[in-house]
Amino acid sequence: MARLTILNPGFNSTIQDMGRLEYRAYGVPHSGAMDQDSSRLANQLLNNQESDAVIEMTLSGVEIIFSEPTQIAITGAHCKIIVQHLGYESPCVIAVKTGDVVQIGAAMDGNFIYLGIKNGFQTEVSLGSRSYYTGILDNSFLKKGNHLLYDSSGVVSADIFNDMESKWNSSLKAYAGPEFYLLSRKQQEQLLGTSFTISKLWNRMAFQLEETLVHTLSAIKSSPVLPGTIQLTPDGKLIVLMRDAQTTGGYPRVLQLTEEAVNIISQKRVGEAVDFIIKN
């Protein structure tokens, strides 16, 4: 089995796949790639299974070296890549050789960059997933010196794809949440008619929005929540739950983002605006 070695892990880089889908009843978060469309694209470009594990990089890229030839795909937030002094821009597919050093630069837009590898990363599986999550796997983030195993068989030389465009719209489709209709008509119109700004308070668990929605709703009994559930706090803040969010919560659930909308908002940067459209 070939191995990739981490020379520089960047900021909060992890291994992610499609997450843990069968364990929410036991309080296990979904986890998985924040922007699952970009993760799937990296695997599709390599003819992998869509659920194969990838490296997810947050804002900054990694520096890595390969022990055997393979192919890699870089998708998600746009970035520059250097392979043995040759420059590329994402999204792209690159053939790497034994001993090649790959440097992935900082995200030029968006938050998350994805690196897929031919046949996927062969890291530890726990509860049906390779996704890093504290308490489930020993690793929380990639560290300098980590070795990631991969299967180098069946690799052919790659073309370079550089004409694909990511589409991260500001309008997010959502379903009415269980407590949406407890809002007054005026509050519903304000929620759907306001552009909300991504605050500096965000991570893999949740994105908080800047603007507030004044309301008189009471807390609810602890109830199920999902990635994409939008909670309304007592002080009017909107919290968009993300991939590593808890499985239950006590704030009113006013909206539920579609899967596509969760992928889109994951790539929205601090200060960027979003608005919500009810999907029938």
Protein backbone atom coordinates (compact mmCIF):
# COMPACT_ATOMS: atom_id res chain seq x y z
CA MET A 1 0.00 0.00 0.00
CA ALA A 2 1.37 3.42 -0.99
CA ARG A 3 1.39 6.34 1.41
CA LEU A 4 1.04 10.09 1.35
CA THR A 5 3.01 12.00 4.01
CA ILE A 6 1.85 15.31 5.46
CA LEU A 7 4.67 17.88 5.36
CA ASN A 8 2.49 20.84 6.32
CA PRO A 9 -1.10 20.16 7.47
CA GLY A 10 -2.42 23.68 6.96
CA PHE A 11 -5.27 24.89 9.18
CA ASN A 12 -7.84 22.34 10.38
CA SER A 13 -7.36 19.77 7.63
CA THR A 14 -9.24 16.49 8.08
CA ILE A 15 -10.23 13.27 6.35
CA GLN A 16 -13.91 13.27 5.35
CA ASP A 17 -16.31 11.12 3.36
CA MET A 18 -20.12 11.20 3.22
CA GLY A 19 -20.38 10.80 7.00
CA ARG A 20 -22.15 8.51 9.46
CA LEU A 21 -25.75 8.07 8.40
CA GLU A 22 -26.98 5.28 10.65
CA TYR A 23 -26.07 6.39 14.19
CA ARG A 24 -27.99 9.61 14.87
CA ALA A 25 -30.36 7.73 17.18
CA TYR A 26 -27.33 7.15 19.44
CA GLY A 27 -26.31 10.82 19.45
CA VAL A 28 -23.54 10.44 16.86
CA PRO A 29 -23.22 13.52 14.58
CA HIS A 30 -23.46 13.10 10.83
CA SER A 31 -19.97 14.56 10.08
CA GLY A 32 -18.68 14.14 6.51
CA ALA A 33 -17.52 16.73 3.99
CA MET A 34 -18.93 20.20 4.59
CA ASP A 35 -19.40 20.77 0.84
CA GLN A 36 -20.45 17.32 -0.30
CA ASP A 37 -20.97 18.41 -3.90
CA SER A 38 -17.27 19.32 -4.14
CA SER A 39 -16.22 16.11 -2.39
CA ARG A 40 -18.33 14.06 -4.84
CA LEU A 41 -16.87 15.97 -7.79
CA ALA A 42 -13.30 15.15 -6.72
CA ASN A 43 -14.21 11.46 -6.66
CA GLN A 44 -16.18 11.58 -9.91
CA LEU A 45 -13.22 13.08 -11.75
CA LEU A 46 -11.12 10.11 -10.61
CA ASN A 47 -13.80 7.49 -11.35
CA ASN A 48 -13.91 6.68 -7.63
CA GLN A 49 -16.91 5.80 -5.53
CA GLU A 50 -18.64 9.06 -4.55
CA SER A 51 -18.31 8.07 -0.89
CA ASP A 52 -14.50 7.60 -0.99
CA ALA A 53 -12.54 9.55 1.61
CA VAL A 54 -10.90 12.86 0.68
CA ILE A 55 -8.81 15.48 2.46
CA GLU A 56 -10.86 18.53 3.47
CA MET A 57 -8.79 21.71 3.97
CA THR A 58 -10.15 24.77 5.76
CA LEU A 59 -9.08 28.14 4.27
CA SER A 60 -5.44 27.06 3.77
CA GLY A 61 -4.00 24.11 1.87
CA VAL A 62 -1.55 21.34 2.72
CA GLU A 63 1.92 20.32 1.56
CA ILE A 64 2.27 16.59 0.90
CA ILE A 65 4.63 14.03 -0.67
CA PHE A 66 3.73 10.78 -2.44
CA SER A 67 5.50 7.42 -2.21
CA GLU A 68 3.97 6.01 -5.43
CA PRO A 69 2.44 7.38 -8.65
CA THR A 70 -1.26 8.24 -8.49
CA GLN A 71 -3.86 10.77 -9.59
CA ILE A 72 -5.33 13.53 -7.46
CA ALA A 73 -8.26 15.88 -7.97
CA ILE A 74 -8.59 19.28 -6.28
CA THR A 75 -12.05 20.85 -6.05
CA GLY A 76 -14.06 23.17 -3.81
CA ALA A 77 -12.75 26.65 -3.05
CA HIS A 78 -10.45 27.90 -5.80
CA CYS A 79 -6.74 27.71 -5.05
CA LYS A 80 -3.32 27.50 -6.70
CA ILE A 81 -1.35 24.25 -6.68
CA ILE A 82 2.38 23.69 -7.22
CA VAL A 83 3.72 20.25 -8.18
CA GLN A 84 7.50 20.08 -8.51
CA HIS A 85 7.61 23.80 -9.47
CA LEU A 86 4.77 23.47 -12.02
CA GLY A 87 1.71 25.59 -11.32
CA TYR A 88 -1.98 24.64 -11.61
CA GLU A 89 -5.30 26.16 -10.58
CA SER A 90 -8.27 24.26 -9.19
CA PRO A 91 -10.49 22.56 -10.08
CA CYS A 92 -8.12 20.13 -11.73
CA VAL A 93 -6.89 16.54 -11.98
CA ILE A 94 -3.14 15.94 -11.77
CA ALA A 95 -0.95 12.87 -12.27
CA VAL A 96 1.74 12.72 -9.58
CA LYS A 97 4.89 10.61 -9.58
CA THR A 98 6.92 8.91 -6.86
CA GLY A 99 8.51 11.57 -4.66
CA ASP A 100 6.42 14.45 -5.99
CA VAL A 101 5.77 17.25 -3.51
CA VAL A 102 2.37 18.93 -3.90
CA GLN A 103 1.72 22.34 -2.33
CA ILE A 104 -1.86 23.57 -2.19
CA GLY A 105 -2.29 27.28 -1.56
CA ALA A 106 -4.89 29.20 0.43
CA ALA A 107 -8.53 29.32 -0.64
CA MET A 108 -9.08 32.31 -2.92
CA ASP A 109 -12.85 32.12 -2.42
CA GLY A 110 -14.99 29.88 -0.26
CA ASN A 111 -13.82 28.04 2.87
CA PHE A 112 -13.17 24.39 1.99
CA ILE A 113 -10.77 22.79 -0.51
CA TYR A 114 -10.97 19.07 -1.32
CA LEU A 115 -8.24 16.69 -2.42
CA GLY A 116 -9.36 13.34 -3.74
CA ILE A 117 -6.99 10.51 -4.65
CA LYS A 118 -7.42 7.61 -7.05
CA ASN A 119 -9.20 4.77 -5.17
CA GLY A 120 -9.72 6.99 -2.10
CA PHE A 121 -7.74 7.29 1.13
CA GLN A 122 -7.54 4.00 3.05
CA THR A 123 -7.68 5.42 6.57
CA GLU A 124 -9.34 3.94 9.66
CA VAL A 125 -13.09 3.26 9.55
CA SER A 126 -15.25 3.78 12.64
CA LEU A 127 -19.05 3.46 12.71
CA GLY A 128 -19.11 3.06 8.95
CA SER A 129 -17.11 6.17 8.07
CA ARG A 130 -13.55 7.46 7.80
CA SER A 131 -14.64 11.02 8.74
CA TYR A 132 -12.61 12.57 11.54
CA TYR A 133 -14.58 13.45 14.67
CA THR A 134 -13.21 13.81 18.20
CA GLY A 135 -14.19 10.84 20.37
CA ILE A 136 -14.96 8.53 17.45
CA LEU A 137 -11.55 8.40 15.80
CA ASP A 138 -8.19 9.07 17.44
CA ASN A 139 -7.45 11.91 15.01
CA SER A 140 -9.21 15.27 15.06
CA PHE A 141 -7.00 16.97 12.46
CA LEU A 142 -4.16 16.03 10.18
CA LYS A 143 -0.72 16.63 11.69
CA LYS A 144 2.77 17.01 10.28
CA GLY A 145 4.29 13.58 9.73
CA ASN A 146 0.95 11.74 9.39
CA HIS A 147 0.95 8.97 6.78
CA LEU A 148 -2.22 8.36 4.75
CA LEU A 149 -2.46 5.07 2.88
CA TYR A 150 -3.72 4.82 -0.70
CA ASP A 151 -3.97 2.16 -3.39
CA SER A 152 -1.75 3.07 -6.34
CA SER A 153 -2.96 0.25 -8.61
CA GLY A 154 -4.86 0.97 -11.81
CA VAL A 155 -3.51 4.52 -12.18
CA VAL A 156 -3.23 6.05 -15.67
CA SER A 157 -1.88 9.41 -16.76
CA ALA A 158 -4.37 12.22 -16.16
CA ASP A 159 -5.67 15.11 -18.19
CA ILE A 160 -5.96 18.51 -16.52
CA PHE A 161 -9.47 19.87 -16.05
CA ASN A 162 -9.61 23.62 -15.52
CA ASP A 163 -12.85 24.76 -17.12
CA MET A 164 -15.29 23.78 -14.35
CA GLU A 165 -16.98 26.57 -12.40
CA SER A 166 -18.34 26.30 -8.88
CA LYS A 167 -21.75 27.93 -8.43
CA TRP A 168 -22.34 29.20 -4.91
CA ASN A 169 -25.49 31.29 -5.09
CA SER A 170 -26.59 33.61 -2.31
CA SER A 171 -30.18 32.33 -2.36
CA LEU A 172 -30.62 29.19 -0.28
CA LYS A 173 -33.59 26.86 -0.75
CA ALA A 174 -35.20 25.67 2.46
CA TYR A 175 -38.27 23.91 3.80
CA ALA A 176 -40.42 25.44 6.52
CA GLY A 177 -39.17 24.10 9.84
CA PRO A 178 -41.45 22.53 12.48
CA GLU A 179 -41.75 25.86 14.35
CA PHE A 180 -41.88 28.16 11.29
CA TYR A 181 -45.63 28.61 11.49
CA LEU A 182 -45.41 29.67 15.15
CA LEU A 183 -43.86 32.89 13.86
CA SER A 184 -46.22 35.74 13.05
CA ARG A 185 -46.85 36.54 9.39
CA LYS A 186 -44.66 39.63 9.76
CA GLN A 187 -41.83 37.58 11.28
CA GLN A 188 -42.10 34.99 8.49
CA GLU A 189 -41.88 37.75 5.89
CA GLN A 190 -38.87 39.26 7.66
CA LEU A 191 -37.12 35.89 7.79
CA LEU A 192 -37.65 35.31 4.07
CA GLY A 193 -37.14 38.92 3.01
CA THR A 194 -33.87 39.71 4.79
CA SER A 195 -30.33 39.16 3.57
CA PHE A 196 -28.37 37.63 6.44
CA THR A 197 -24.62 37.97 6.86
CA ILE A 198 -22.22 35.16 7.77
CA SER A 199 -20.68 36.05 11.15
CA LYS A 200 -17.16 35.28 12.34
CA LEU A 201 -18.65 32.59 14.59
CA TRP A 202 -18.53 29.50 12.38
CA ASN A 203 -17.02 26.03 12.39
CA ARG A 204 -17.92 22.49 11.33
CA MET A 205 -20.76 22.45 13.89
CA ALA A 206 -22.63 25.62 12.91
CA PHE A 207 -22.62 28.97 11.10
CA GLN A 208 -24.12 31.91 13.03
CA LEU A 209 -25.70 34.80 11.13
CA GLU A 210 -25.27 38.45 12.12
CA GLU A 211 -28.76 39.91 11.81
CA THR A 212 -31.44 39.19 14.38
CA LEU A 213 -35.11 38.31 14.11
CA VAL A 214 -37.14 39.68 17.02
CA HIS A 215 -39.69 37.11 18.20
CA THR A 216 -41.58 35.83 21.22
CA LEU A 217 -41.21 32.07 20.70
CA SER A 218 -40.46 29.93 23.72
CA ALA A 219 -37.81 27.25 23.87
CA ILE A 220 -39.00 23.81 22.80
CA LYS A 221 -38.42 20.39 24.30
CA SER A 222 -35.17 18.89 23.07
CA SER A 223 -36.03 17.69 19.56
CA PRO A 224 -34.23 16.15 16.56
CA VAL A 225 -32.09 18.40 14.38
CA LEU A 226 -30.11 17.74 11.20
CA PRO A 227 -27.33 19.38 9.20
CA GLY A 228 -29.12 22.35 7.65
CA THR A 229 -31.56 22.93 10.52
CA ILE A 230 -31.81 26.67 11.24
CA GLN A 231 -32.43 27.39 14.91
CA LEU A 232 -33.74 30.68 16.32
CA THR A 233 -32.19 31.62 19.66
CA PRO A 234 -34.02 33.60 22.39
CA ASP A 235 -32.07 36.76 21.45
CA GLY A 236 -33.07 36.42 17.79
CA LYS A 237 -29.87 34.97 16.35
CA LEU A 238 -30.10 32.40 13.57
CA ILE A 239 -27.81 29.37 13.86
CA VAL A 240 -27.36 27.15 10.81
CA LEU A 241 -26.38 23.66 11.97
CA MET A 242 -23.67 21.97 9.91
CA ARG A 243 -22.12 18.52 9.48
CA ASP A 244 -20.69 18.07 13.01
CA ALA A 245 -23.76 19.47 14.80
CA GLN A 246 -25.46 17.78 17.72
CA THR A 247 -28.42 15.50 17.03
CA THR A 248 -31.00 17.26 19.24
CA GLY A 249 -31.65 20.85 20.29
CA GLY A 250 -34.03 23.06 22.24
CA TYR A 251 -34.24 26.17 20.06
CA PRO A 252 -37.17 26.60 17.63
CA ARG A 253 -36.37 25.09 14.20
CA VAL A 254 -37.65 27.72 11.78
CA LEU A 255 -36.11 26.42 8.52
CA GLN A 256 -34.48 23.30 7.14
CA LEU A 257 -32.01 23.87 4.30
CA THR A 258 -31.95 21.53 1.33
CA GLU A 259 -28.82 19.40 0.91
CA GLU A 260 -27.69 21.66 -1.94
CA ALA A 261 -28.11 24.74 0.25
CA VAL A 262 -25.99 23.19 3.03
CA ASN A 263 -23.19 22.68 0.51
CA ILE A 264 -23.53 26.27 -0.72
CA ILE A 265 -23.52 27.96 2.69
CA SER A 266 -20.48 25.91 3.75
CA GLN A 267 -18.46 27.87 1.19
CA LYS A 268 -19.76 31.30 2.24
CA ARG A 269 -17.14 33.50 3.89
CA VAL A 270 -17.44 35.89 6.83
CA GLY A 271 -19.30 39.00 5.69
CA GLU A 272 -20.98 37.37 2.70
CA ALA A 273 -24.77 37.49 2.49
CA VAL A 274 -27.39 34.78 2.07
CA ASP A 275 -31.17 34.79 1.84
CA PHE A 276 -33.76 32.05 2.12
CA ILE A 277 -36.38 30.80 -0.32
CA ILE A 278 -39.10 28.38 0.79
CA LYS A 279 -39.16 25.25 -1.35
CA ASN A 280 -42.61 23.77 -1.90
